């Protein structure tokens, strides 16, 4: 993803940051996972818990998930879990966002 598209995406996610912070804090406080993953998409996906399921708030639908769910649904292969954990950034400072769009799927880390 080019830096221009990444910058645009960060701007599009700004309205969601407060909600993402609340959800991330709840997930971490309740020890659901150490690896929260947000799924931003514009189509219907069966992954995670819906936080925003319409695009009136912004251009994206948003769901909260976890590394464990990504593994159980075979989005991340068991053999790649350790590699994923090494690149995963602190959820106190970043949101891990799995972007699903017409351009494909990609993990990004957005500053909190």
N, C-alpha and C. Protein backbone atom coordinates (compact mmCIF):
# COMPACT_ATOMS: atom_id res chain seq x y z
N UNK A 1 0.86 -1.17 0.00
CA UNK A 1 0.00 0.00 0.00
C UNK A 1 0.91 1.23 0.00
N UNK A 2 0.65 2.14 -0.88
CA UNK A 2 1.48 3.34 -0.97
C UNK A 2 1.27 4.23 0.24
N UNK A 3 2.24 5.11 0.51
CA UNK A 3 2.13 5.99 1.68
C UNK A 3 0.96 6.94 1.54
N UNK A 4 0.61 7.34 0.32
CA UNK A 4 -0.55 8.21 0.11
C UNK A 4 -1.84 7.50 0.51
N UNK A 5 -1.99 6.25 0.08
CA UNK A 5 -3.18 5.48 0.44
C UNK A 5 -3.21 5.23 1.94
N UNK A 6 -2.04 4.99 2.56
CA UNK A 6 -1.97 4.76 4.00
C UNK A 6 -2.39 6.01 4.76
N UNK A 7 -1.91 7.18 4.34
CA UNK A 7 -2.28 8.44 4.97
C UNK A 7 -3.78 8.68 4.85
N UNK A 8 -4.35 8.41 3.69
CA UNK A 8 -5.79 8.56 3.47
C UNK A 8 -6.55 7.61 4.39
N UNK A 9 -6.08 6.40 4.51
CA UNK A 9 -6.73 5.42 5.36
C UNK A 9 -6.70 5.85 6.82
N UNK A 10 -5.55 6.34 7.28
CA UNK A 10 -5.45 6.84 8.65
C UNK A 10 -6.47 7.95 8.89
N UNK A 11 -6.63 8.85 7.93
CA UNK A 11 -7.61 9.94 8.05
C UNK A 11 -9.02 9.37 8.13
N UNK A 12 -9.31 8.36 7.32
CA UNK A 12 -10.64 7.77 7.31
C UNK A 12 -10.95 7.04 8.63
N UNK A 13 -9.91 6.59 9.33
CA UNK A 13 -10.11 5.88 10.59
C UNK A 13 -10.19 6.82 11.80
N UNK A 14 -9.87 8.10 11.63
CA UNK A 14 -9.89 9.04 12.75
C UNK A 14 -11.22 9.06 13.52
N UNK A 15 -12.37 9.08 12.86
CA UNK A 15 -13.63 9.11 13.61
C UNK A 15 -13.85 7.86 14.47
N UNK A 16 -13.14 6.80 14.20
CA UNK A 16 -13.32 5.53 14.89
C UNK A 16 -12.39 5.37 16.10
N UNK A 17 -11.40 6.23 16.23
CA UNK A 17 -10.35 6.02 17.22
C UNK A 17 -10.86 5.95 18.66
N UNK A 18 -11.81 6.80 19.03
CA UNK A 18 -12.32 6.77 20.40
C UNK A 18 -13.00 5.43 20.68
N UNK A 19 -13.82 4.98 19.76
CA UNK A 19 -14.50 3.70 19.90
C UNK A 19 -13.49 2.55 19.93
N UNK A 20 -12.49 2.62 19.07
CA UNK A 20 -11.46 1.59 19.04
C UNK A 20 -10.68 1.56 20.36
N UNK A 21 -10.38 2.72 20.91
CA UNK A 21 -9.66 2.78 22.18
C UNK A 21 -10.48 2.15 23.30
N UNK A 22 -11.77 2.47 23.36
CA UNK A 22 -12.64 1.88 24.38
C UNK A 22 -12.72 0.37 24.25
N UNK A 23 -12.90 -0.09 23.02
CA UNK A 23 -13.01 -1.52 22.77
C UNK A 23 -11.69 -2.23 23.09
N UNK A 24 -10.58 -1.66 22.68
CA UNK A 24 -9.27 -2.25 22.93
C UNK A 24 -9.01 -2.34 24.43
N UNK A 25 -9.30 -1.27 25.15
CA UNK A 25 -9.09 -1.26 26.60
C UNK A 25 -9.95 -2.32 27.28
N UNK A 26 -11.20 -2.46 26.86
CA UNK A 26 -12.09 -3.47 27.44
C UNK A 26 -11.57 -4.88 27.15
N UNK A 27 -11.13 -5.11 25.93
CA UNK A 27 -10.60 -6.42 25.53
C UNK A 27 -9.37 -6.77 26.37
N UNK A 28 -8.49 -5.80 26.55
CA UNK A 28 -7.26 -6.03 27.32
C UNK A 28 -7.57 -6.16 28.82
N UNK A 29 -8.42 -5.29 29.34
CA UNK A 29 -8.76 -5.32 30.77
C UNK A 29 -9.45 -6.63 31.16
N UNK A 30 -10.29 -7.14 30.27
CA UNK A 30 -11.02 -8.39 30.54
C UNK A 30 -10.20 -9.62 30.15
N UNK A 31 -8.97 -9.38 29.72
CA UNK A 31 -8.04 -10.44 29.33
C UNK A 31 -8.63 -11.40 28.30
N UNK A 32 -9.39 -10.82 27.35
CA UNK A 32 -9.93 -11.61 26.24
C UNK A 32 -8.77 -12.08 25.36
N UNK A 33 -7.84 -11.19 25.11
CA UNK A 33 -6.64 -11.49 24.33
C UNK A 33 -5.59 -10.43 24.60
N UNK A 34 -4.35 -10.77 24.32
CA UNK A 34 -3.27 -9.79 24.36
C UNK A 34 -3.07 -9.17 22.98
N UNK A 35 -3.81 -9.71 21.99
CA UNK A 35 -3.64 -9.31 20.60
C UNK A 35 -4.97 -8.93 19.97
N UNK A 36 -5.52 -7.76 20.34
CA UNK A 36 -6.77 -7.32 19.69
C UNK A 36 -6.51 -6.89 18.25
N UNK A 37 -7.43 -7.27 17.39
CA UNK A 37 -7.35 -6.90 15.97
C UNK A 37 -8.69 -6.30 15.58
N UNK A 38 -8.65 -5.14 14.96
CA UNK A 38 -9.86 -4.53 14.43
C UNK A 38 -9.97 -4.86 12.95
N UNK A 39 -11.17 -5.14 12.52
CA UNK A 39 -11.43 -5.46 11.12
C UNK A 39 -12.22 -4.30 10.52
N UNK A 40 -11.63 -3.59 9.58
CA UNK A 40 -12.30 -2.49 8.89
C UNK A 40 -12.63 -2.99 7.48
N UNK A 41 -13.89 -2.88 7.13
CA UNK A 41 -14.32 -3.43 5.84
C UNK A 41 -15.51 -2.66 5.30
N UNK A 42 -15.82 -2.90 4.05
CA UNK A 42 -16.96 -2.24 3.42
C UNK A 42 -17.94 -3.26 2.87
N UNK A 43 -17.71 -4.52 3.20
CA UNK A 43 -18.58 -5.62 2.79
C UNK A 43 -18.97 -6.38 4.05
N UNK A 44 -19.81 -7.38 3.94
CA UNK A 44 -20.17 -8.19 5.09
C UNK A 44 -19.13 -9.28 5.30
N UNK A 45 -18.65 -9.37 6.54
CA UNK A 45 -17.72 -10.43 6.92
C UNK A 45 -18.16 -11.02 8.25
N UNK A 46 -17.91 -12.29 8.41
CA UNK A 46 -18.23 -12.96 9.66
C UNK A 46 -16.95 -13.14 10.46
N UNK A 47 -16.59 -12.09 11.15
CA UNK A 47 -15.35 -12.09 11.89
C UNK A 47 -15.46 -11.09 13.03
N UNK A 48 -15.25 -11.53 14.24
CA UNK A 48 -15.26 -10.62 15.37
C UNK A 48 -16.64 -10.18 15.79
N UNK A 49 -16.64 -9.17 16.65
CA UNK A 49 -17.86 -8.58 17.19
C UNK A 49 -18.06 -7.22 16.54
N UNK A 50 -19.24 -6.98 16.04
CA UNK A 50 -19.53 -5.74 15.33
C UNK A 50 -19.51 -4.55 16.29
N UNK A 51 -18.75 -3.52 15.93
CA UNK A 51 -18.74 -2.26 16.67
C UNK A 51 -19.55 -1.20 15.92
N UNK A 52 -19.40 -1.20 14.61
CA UNK A 52 -20.17 -0.31 13.74
C UNK A 52 -20.51 -1.12 12.50
N UNK A 53 -21.82 -1.28 12.24
CA UNK A 53 -22.20 -2.14 11.11
C UNK A 53 -22.86 -1.39 9.97
N UNK A 54 -22.74 -0.07 10.00
CA UNK A 54 -23.20 0.69 8.83
C UNK A 54 -22.19 1.78 8.55
N UNK A 55 -22.29 2.39 7.42
CA UNK A 55 -21.30 3.39 7.02
C UNK A 55 -21.79 4.82 7.20
N UNK A 56 -22.79 5.03 8.07
CA UNK A 56 -23.23 6.39 8.32
C UNK A 56 -22.22 7.14 9.19
N UNK A 57 -21.43 6.41 9.97
CA UNK A 57 -20.42 7.00 10.85
C UNK A 57 -19.18 7.39 10.06
N UNK A 58 -18.92 6.68 8.98
CA UNK A 58 -17.74 6.89 8.15
C UNK A 58 -17.75 5.85 7.05
N UNK A 59 -16.68 5.76 6.29
CA UNK A 59 -16.67 4.86 5.13
C UNK A 59 -16.49 3.38 5.47
N UNK A 60 -16.23 3.04 6.74
CA UNK A 60 -15.90 1.67 7.10
C UNK A 60 -16.89 1.08 8.10
N UNK A 61 -17.11 -0.21 7.99
CA UNK A 61 -17.74 -0.99 9.04
C UNK A 61 -16.60 -1.49 9.90
N UNK A 62 -16.85 -1.68 11.19
CA UNK A 62 -15.75 -2.01 12.10
C UNK A 62 -16.15 -3.13 13.04
N UNK A 63 -15.24 -4.09 13.19
CA UNK A 63 -15.46 -5.19 14.10
C UNK A 63 -14.21 -5.40 14.94
N UNK A 64 -14.40 -5.94 16.14
CA UNK A 64 -13.27 -6.26 17.02
C UNK A 64 -13.08 -7.77 17.02
N UNK A 65 -11.82 -8.17 16.87
CA UNK A 65 -11.50 -9.59 16.83
C UNK A 65 -10.21 -9.80 17.63
N UNK A 66 -9.58 -10.95 17.40
CA UNK A 66 -8.37 -11.29 18.14
C UNK A 66 -7.48 -12.19 17.28
N UNK A 67 -6.23 -12.27 17.68
CA UNK A 67 -5.32 -13.19 17.01
C UNK A 67 -5.86 -14.61 17.07
N UNK A 68 -6.41 -14.98 18.22
CA UNK A 68 -6.92 -16.33 18.39
C UNK A 68 -8.04 -16.65 17.40
N UNK A 69 -8.94 -15.69 17.15
CA UNK A 69 -10.01 -15.93 16.17
C UNK A 69 -9.43 -16.02 14.76
N UNK A 70 -8.45 -15.18 14.45
CA UNK A 70 -7.82 -15.23 13.12
C UNK A 70 -7.17 -16.59 12.89
N UNK A 71 -6.61 -17.18 13.95
CA UNK A 71 -5.99 -18.50 13.83
C UNK A 71 -7.08 -19.57 13.69
N UNK A 72 -8.12 -19.48 14.53
CA UNK A 72 -9.17 -20.51 14.48
C UNK A 72 -9.90 -20.50 13.14
N UNK A 73 -10.00 -19.34 12.50
CA UNK A 73 -10.66 -19.25 11.18
C UNK A 73 -9.65 -19.39 10.04
N UNK A 74 -8.42 -19.73 10.39
CA UNK A 74 -7.34 -19.99 9.43
C UNK A 74 -7.01 -18.80 8.53
N UNK A 75 -7.21 -17.59 9.04
CA UNK A 75 -6.78 -16.39 8.33
C UNK A 75 -5.28 -16.23 8.54
N UNK A 76 -4.83 -16.56 9.75
CA UNK A 76 -3.41 -16.64 10.06
C UNK A 76 -3.12 -18.11 10.36
N UNK A 77 -2.15 -18.67 9.66
CA UNK A 77 -1.81 -20.08 9.85
C UNK A 77 -1.07 -20.27 11.17
N UNK A 78 -1.25 -21.43 11.78
CA UNK A 78 -0.58 -21.75 13.05
C UNK A 78 0.92 -21.50 12.99
N UNK A 79 1.54 -21.84 11.87
CA UNK A 79 2.98 -21.69 11.71
C UNK A 79 3.42 -20.22 11.70
N UNK A 80 2.49 -19.32 11.46
CA UNK A 80 2.85 -17.90 11.34
C UNK A 80 2.52 -17.09 12.60
N UNK A 81 1.97 -17.74 13.62
CA UNK A 81 1.56 -17.04 14.84
C UNK A 81 2.75 -16.36 15.52
N UNK A 82 3.86 -17.07 15.67
CA UNK A 82 5.03 -16.48 16.33
C UNK A 82 5.56 -15.28 15.54
N UNK A 83 5.56 -15.38 14.22
CA UNK A 83 6.00 -14.25 13.39
C UNK A 83 5.07 -13.06 13.57
N UNK A 84 3.76 -13.34 13.62
CA UNK A 84 2.79 -12.27 13.80
C UNK A 84 3.01 -11.58 15.16
N UNK A 85 3.23 -12.38 16.19
CA UNK A 85 3.45 -11.81 17.52
C UNK A 85 4.68 -10.91 17.56
N UNK A 86 5.71 -11.24 16.79
CA UNK A 86 6.93 -10.42 16.82
C UNK A 86 6.72 -9.06 16.13
N UNK A 87 5.82 -8.97 15.16
CA UNK A 87 5.58 -7.68 14.49
C UNK A 87 4.42 -6.91 15.11
N UNK A 88 3.65 -7.57 15.97
CA UNK A 88 2.50 -6.93 16.61
C UNK A 88 3.00 -5.82 17.52
N UNK A 89 2.44 -4.63 17.34
CA UNK A 89 2.87 -3.47 18.13
C UNK A 89 2.00 -3.35 19.38
N UNK A 90 2.54 -2.73 20.40
CA UNK A 90 1.86 -2.60 21.68
C UNK A 90 0.44 -2.03 21.50
N UNK A 91 -0.58 -2.75 22.00
CA UNK A 91 -1.95 -2.24 21.87
C UNK A 91 -2.21 -1.01 22.73
N UNK A 92 -1.27 -0.67 23.61
CA UNK A 92 -1.39 0.56 24.39
C UNK A 92 -1.03 1.78 23.54
N UNK A 93 -0.30 1.54 22.44
CA UNK A 93 0.17 2.64 21.60
C UNK A 93 -0.37 2.59 20.17
N UNK A 94 -0.80 1.39 19.73
CA UNK A 94 -1.25 1.22 18.35
C UNK A 94 -2.51 0.35 18.28
N UNK A 95 -3.27 0.55 17.23
CA UNK A 95 -4.37 -0.35 16.89
C UNK A 95 -3.90 -1.22 15.73
N UNK A 96 -4.10 -2.52 15.86
CA UNK A 96 -3.85 -3.42 14.74
C UNK A 96 -5.16 -3.49 13.96
N UNK A 97 -5.11 -3.10 12.70
CA UNK A 97 -6.31 -3.06 11.87
C UNK A 97 -6.10 -3.95 10.65
N UNK A 98 -7.04 -4.85 10.45
CA UNK A 98 -7.05 -5.71 9.27
C UNK A 98 -8.02 -5.06 8.30
N UNK A 99 -7.49 -4.52 7.22
CA UNK A 99 -8.28 -3.79 6.23
C UNK A 99 -8.70 -4.75 5.12
N UNK A 100 -9.99 -4.81 4.89
CA UNK A 100 -10.53 -5.59 3.76
C UNK A 100 -11.19 -4.60 2.81
N UNK A 101 -10.65 -4.53 1.60
CA UNK A 101 -11.21 -3.61 0.62
C UNK A 101 -11.13 -4.25 -0.76
N UNK A 102 -11.58 -3.51 -1.75
CA UNK A 102 -11.50 -4.00 -3.12
C UNK A 102 -10.05 -4.18 -3.57
N UNK A 103 -9.13 -3.54 -2.86
CA UNK A 103 -7.71 -3.66 -3.19
C UNK A 103 -7.07 -4.88 -2.55
N UNK A 104 -7.81 -5.58 -1.70
CA UNK A 104 -7.28 -6.77 -1.04
C UNK A 104 -7.37 -6.65 0.46
N UNK A 105 -6.53 -7.41 1.15
CA UNK A 105 -6.51 -7.45 2.60
C UNK A 105 -5.11 -7.14 3.11
N UNK A 106 -5.02 -6.37 4.21
CA UNK A 106 -3.71 -5.97 4.72
C UNK A 106 -3.83 -5.62 6.19
N UNK A 107 -2.81 -5.99 6.95
CA UNK A 107 -2.70 -5.54 8.34
C UNK A 107 -1.95 -4.22 8.37
N UNK A 108 -2.46 -3.29 9.16
CA UNK A 108 -1.74 -2.03 9.39
C UNK A 108 -1.78 -1.74 10.89
N UNK A 109 -0.86 -0.92 11.35
CA UNK A 109 -0.85 -0.48 12.73
C UNK A 109 -1.02 1.03 12.73
N UNK A 110 -2.07 1.48 13.40
CA UNK A 110 -2.43 2.89 13.43
C UNK A 110 -2.16 3.41 14.84
N UNK A 111 -1.42 4.52 14.97
CA UNK A 111 -1.19 5.07 16.31
C UNK A 111 -2.50 5.40 17.01
N UNK A 112 -2.54 5.13 18.33
CA UNK A 112 -3.75 5.41 19.12
C UNK A 112 -4.05 6.88 19.23
